Structure formats: C-alpha cells, structure tokens
Amino acid sequence: MDLALRPQPLSLKFSQPGQLVLYLDLRPELMA
C-alpha cells in the first residue's frame, strides 16, 4: 500500500474513489 508514498498525478488518485479515500486517510499519518 505504497501508492500514497509514491508521487502520482492527482488525476490518477481522483480517478479511483477508493484510492482517494485511502490516500487522504493515510496522508495525516505520513505527514505526522
């Protein structure tokens, strides 16, 4: 589950609702 760790085009993230939610949910933990 390293998709959020890899720099990807926003279009790719937003194209997948499930991935987008995971990305936003993991974001705070990665930044913290």
PDB file of N, CA and C in Angstrom:
ATOM      1  N   MET A   1       0.846  -1.212   0.000  1.00  0.00           N
ATOM      2  CA  MET A   1       0.000   0.000   0.000  1.00  0.00           C
ATOM      3  C   MET A   1       0.872   1.250   0.000  1.00  0.00           C
ATOM      4  N   ASP A   2       1.794   1.304  -0.945  1.00  0.00           N
ATOM      5  CA  ASP A   2       2.717   2.446  -1.012  1.00  0.00           C
ATOM      6  C   ASP A   2       2.289   3.441  -2.083  1.00  0.00           C
ATOM      7  N   LEU A   3       1.041   3.355  -2.520  1.00  0.00           N
ATOM      8  CA  LEU A   3       0.550   4.264  -3.563  1.00  0.00           C
ATOM      9  C   LEU A   3       0.612   5.700  -3.078  1.00  0.00           C
ATOM     10  N   ALA A   4       0.283   5.919  -1.802  1.00  0.00           N
ATOM     11  CA  ALA A   4       0.267   7.273  -1.254  1.00  0.00           C
ATOM     12  C   ALA A   4       1.692   7.790  -1.087  1.00  0.00           C
ATOM     13  N   LEU A   5       2.648   6.865  -0.979  1.00  0.00           N
ATOM     14  CA  LEU A   5       4.036   7.269  -0.777  1.00  0.00           C
ATOM     15  C   LEU A   5       4.683   7.698  -2.086  1.00  0.00           C
ATOM     16  N   ARG A   6       4.176   7.171  -3.180  1.00  0.00           N
ATOM     17  CA  ARG A   6       4.771   7.489  -4.484  1.00  0.00           C
ATOM     18  C   ARG A   6       4.114   8.715  -5.104  1.00  0.00           C
ATOM     19  N   PRO A   7       4.915   9.632  -5.641  1.00  0.00           N
ATOM     20  CA  PRO A   7       4.378  10.821  -6.311  1.00  0.00           C
ATOM     21  C   PRO A   7       3.615  10.431  -7.566  1.00  0.00           C
ATOM     22  N   GLN A   8       2.315  10.670  -7.576  1.00  0.00           N
ATOM     23  CA  GLN A   8       1.494  10.323  -8.732  1.00  0.00           C
ATOM     24  C   GLN A   8       0.628  11.509  -9.112  1.00  0.00           C
ATOM     25  N   PRO A   9       0.249  11.584 -10.384  1.00  0.00           N
ATOM     26  CA  PRO A   9      -0.657  12.639 -10.852  1.00  0.00           C
ATOM     27  C   PRO A   9      -1.953  12.613 -10.062  1.00  0.00           C
ATOM     28  N   LEU A  10      -2.450  13.815  -9.713  1.00  0.00           N
ATOM     29  CA  LEU A  10      -3.700  13.897  -8.958  1.00  0.00           C
ATOM     30  C   LEU A  10      -4.829  13.231  -9.722  1.00  0.00           C
ATOM     31  N   SER A  11      -4.773  13.313 -11.049  1.00  0.00           N
ATOM     32  CA  SER A  11      -5.819  12.717 -11.883  1.00  0.00           C
ATOM     33  C   SER A  11      -5.905  11.213 -11.628  1.00  0.00           C
ATOM     34  N   LEU A  12      -4.758  10.581 -11.386  1.00  0.00           N
ATOM     35  CA  LEU A  12      -4.743   9.140 -11.150  1.00  0.00           C
ATOM     36  C   LEU A  12      -5.411   8.821  -9.815  1.00  0.00           C
ATOM     37  N   LYS A  13      -5.105   9.632  -8.801  1.00  0.00           N
ATOM     38  CA  LYS A  13      -5.693   9.411  -7.483  1.00  0.00           C
ATOM     39  C   LYS A  13      -7.204   9.640  -7.525  1.00  0.00           C
ATOM     40  N   PHE A  14      -7.615  10.745  -8.159  1.00  0.00           N
ATOM     41  CA  PHE A  14      -9.024  11.099  -8.179  1.00  0.00           C
ATOM     42  C   PHE A  14      -9.828  10.173  -9.082  1.00  0.00           C
ATOM     43  N   SER A  15      -9.146   9.482  -9.984  1.00  0.00           N
ATOM     44  CA  SER A  15      -9.844   8.573 -10.894  1.00  0.00           C
ATOM     45  C   SER A  15     -10.307   7.334 -10.134  1.00  0.00           C
ATOM     46  N   GLN A  16      -9.717   7.091  -8.965  1.00  0.00           N
ATOM     47  CA  GLN A  16     -10.097   5.932  -8.158  1.00  0.00           C
ATOM     48  C   GLN A  16     -10.605   6.390  -6.790  1.00  0.00           C
ATOM     49  N   PRO A  17     -11.925   6.465  -6.598  1.00  0.00           N
ATOM     50  CA  PRO A  17     -12.534   6.919  -5.343  1.00  0.00           C
ATOM     51  C   PRO A  17     -11.975   6.188  -4.125  1.00  0.00           C
ATOM     52  N   GLY A  18     -11.875   4.878  -4.220  1.00  0.00           N
ATOM     53  CA  GLY A  18     -11.360   4.089  -3.101  1.00  0.00           C
ATOM     54  C   GLY A  18      -9.935   4.491  -2.753  1.00  0.00           C
ATOM     55  N   GLN A  19      -9.095   4.657  -3.775  1.00  0.00           N
ATOM     56  CA  GLN A  19      -7.707   5.039  -3.564  1.00  0.00           C
ATOM     57  C   GLN A  19      -7.621   6.443  -2.998  1.00  0.00           C
ATOM     58  N   LEU A  20      -8.520   7.320  -3.451  1.00  0.00           N
ATOM     59  CA  LEU A  20      -8.513   8.704  -2.998  1.00  0.00           C
ATOM     60  C   LEU A  20      -8.779   8.763  -1.501  1.00  0.00           C
ATOM     61  N   VAL A  21      -9.766   8.004  -1.067  1.00  0.00           N
ATOM     62  CA  VAL A  21     -10.108   7.970   0.360  1.00  0.00           C
ATOM     63  C   VAL A  21      -8.938   7.429   1.169  1.00  0.00           C
ATOM     64  N   LEU A  22      -8.324   6.361   0.674  1.00  0.00           N
ATOM     65  CA  LEU A  22      -7.174   5.779   1.360  1.00  0.00           C
ATOM     66  C   LEU A  22      -6.035   6.782   1.426  1.00  0.00           C
ATOM     67  N   TYR A  23      -5.800   7.472   0.316  1.00  0.00           N
ATOM     68  CA  TYR A  23      -4.720   8.447   0.240  1.00  0.00           C
ATOM     69  C   TYR A  23      -4.925   9.557   1.256  1.00  0.00           C
ATOM     70  N   LEU A  24      -6.148  10.099   1.301  1.00  0.00           N
ATOM     71  CA  LEU A  24      -6.457  11.198   2.218  1.00  0.00           C
ATOM     72  C   LEU A  24      -6.425  10.712   3.663  1.00  0.00           C
ATOM     73  N   ASP A  25      -6.804   9.457   3.875  1.00  0.00           N
ATOM     74  CA  ASP A  25      -6.850   8.908   5.223  1.00  0.00           C
ATOM     75  C   ASP A  25      -5.442   8.636   5.748  1.00  0.00           C
ATOM     76  N   LEU A  26      -4.538   8.216   4.853  1.00  0.00           N
ATOM     77  CA  LEU A  26      -3.169   7.908   5.258  1.00  0.00           C
ATOM     78  C   LEU A  26      -2.299   9.152   5.297  1.00  0.00           C
ATOM     79  N   ARG A  27      -2.709  10.176   4.577  1.00  0.00           N
ATOM     80  CA  ARG A  27      -1.930  11.401   4.467  1.00  0.00           C
ATOM     81  C   ARG A  27      -1.509  11.974   5.825  1.00  0.00           C
ATOM     82  N   PRO A  28      -2.452  12.194   6.746  1.00  0.00           N
ATOM     83  CA  PRO A  28      -2.107  12.765   8.049  1.00  0.00           C
ATOM     84  C   PRO A  28      -1.054  11.939   8.787  1.00  0.00           C
ATOM     85  N   GLU A  29      -1.176  10.627   8.715  1.00  0.00           N
ATOM     86  CA  GLU A  29      -0.230   9.767   9.420  1.00  0.00           C
ATOM     87  C   GLU A  29       1.167   9.866   8.802  1.00  0.00           C
ATOM     88  N   LEU A  30       1.227   9.956   7.477  1.00  0.00           N
ATOM     89  CA  LEU A  30       2.514  10.057   6.794  1.00  0.00           C
ATOM     90  C   LEU A  30       3.174  11.400   7.089  1.00  0.00           C
ATOM     91  N   MET A  31       2.353  12.443   7.143  1.00  0.00           N
ATOM     92  CA  MET A  31       2.884  13.779   7.387  1.00  0.00           C
ATOM     93  C   MET A  31       3.300  13.936   8.845  1.00  0.00           C
ATOM     94  N   ALA A  32       2.608  13.242   9.733  1.00  0.00           N
ATOM     95  CA  ALA A  32       2.890  13.377  11.168  1.00  0.00           C
ATOM     96  C   ALA A  32       4.190  12.776  11.527  1.00  0.00           C
TER      97      ALA A  32
END
